[in-house]
Structures are given as structure tokens and as C-alpha cells.
Amino acid sequence: MKVKVFDEMHEKDLEQSVNDFLDEIGNKFVDIKYQVSIAMFSEEQIYCFTAMILYNK
């Protein structure tokens, strides 16, 4: 079993990255974990969209 982690600043970028990878590995994926983090830097909100895909080799 292997793990692939994605980290993007925009949800649409994460969606594209995950979809591209799923197309690449076919039906070998086992599970997908998704998380959103928000941080404040000065007056700016920073979002971090992450996904972890567990898949068979």
C-alpha cells in the first residue's frame, strides 16, 4: 500500500490534482482523507486544502 498527499491553496486546484492522480492509478485507491485549514496572517486569511489518498501498488 502507498500514500500520496496533495496540498493546494485553492479547492479547485486540489480537485484537479486529485482527479488527475485518480485517473493515473485507476481503481487502485483504497481511501481518501480530506482536510481544510485556515490561518490568519496579518489581515489575510490563508487556506490550505489537503487530501491524502491511500492506494494499492
Protein backbone atom coordinates (compact mmCIF):
# COMPACT_ATOMS: atom_id res chain seq x y z
CA MET A 1 0.00 0.00 0.00
CA LYS A 2 1.18 3.54 -0.72
CA VAL A 3 0.18 7.09 0.25
CA LYS A 4 0.00 10.23 -1.91
CA VAL A 5 -0.50 13.63 -0.26
CA PHE A 6 -1.78 16.75 -2.01
CA ASP A 7 -1.62 20.32 -0.65
CA GLU A 8 -3.17 23.26 -2.51
CA MET A 9 -4.19 26.82 -1.69
CA HIS A 10 -7.43 26.63 -3.70
CA GLU A 11 -10.06 23.90 -3.60
CA LYS A 12 -10.35 23.76 -7.39
CA ASP A 13 -6.59 23.13 -7.67
CA LEU A 14 -6.87 20.29 -5.17
CA GLU A 15 -9.82 18.86 -7.06
CA GLN A 16 -7.85 18.89 -10.31
CA SER A 17 -4.74 17.33 -8.74
CA VAL A 18 -6.73 14.55 -7.07
CA ASN A 19 -8.76 13.80 -10.20
CA ASP A 20 -5.61 13.64 -12.33
CA PHE A 21 -3.99 11.22 -9.88
CA LEU A 22 -7.11 9.04 -9.67
CA ASP A 23 -7.15 8.83 -13.48
CA GLU A 24 -3.50 7.75 -13.32
CA ILE A 25 -3.96 4.94 -10.76
CA GLY A 26 -7.35 3.69 -11.92
CA ASN A 27 -9.38 1.71 -9.39
CA LYS A 28 -6.43 1.03 -7.03
CA PHE A 29 -7.43 3.65 -4.45
CA VAL A 30 -8.50 2.45 -1.00
CA ASP A 31 -9.43 5.66 0.84
CA ILE A 32 -9.29 9.44 0.55
CA LYS A 33 -8.92 11.75 3.55
CA TYR A 34 -9.67 15.47 3.13
CA GLN A 35 -8.92 18.45 5.37
CA VAL A 36 -9.17 22.25 5.27
CA SER A 37 -7.04 24.51 7.48
CA ILE A 38 -7.40 28.26 7.91
CA ALA A 39 -4.80 30.61 9.34
CA MET A 40 -4.60 34.38 9.78
CA PHE A 41 -1.50 36.27 8.64
CA SER A 42 -1.89 39.99 9.38
CA GLU A 43 -5.23 40.83 7.79
CA GLU A 44 -5.11 37.94 5.33
CA GLN A 45 -6.84 34.57 5.68
CA ILE A 46 -4.78 31.68 4.35
CA TYR A 47 -6.49 28.46 3.36
CA CYS A 48 -4.81 25.10 2.96
CA PHE A 49 -6.72 22.30 1.25
CA THR A 50 -5.17 18.86 1.67
CA ALA A 51 -6.01 15.33 0.63
CA MET A 52 -4.34 12.03 1.33
CA ILE A 53 -5.00 9.07 -0.93
CA LEU A 54 -4.29 5.53 0.20
CA TYR A 55 -3.88 3.17 -2.74
CA ASN A 56 -2.53 -0.24 -3.66
CA LYS A 57 0.63 -0.52 -5.75
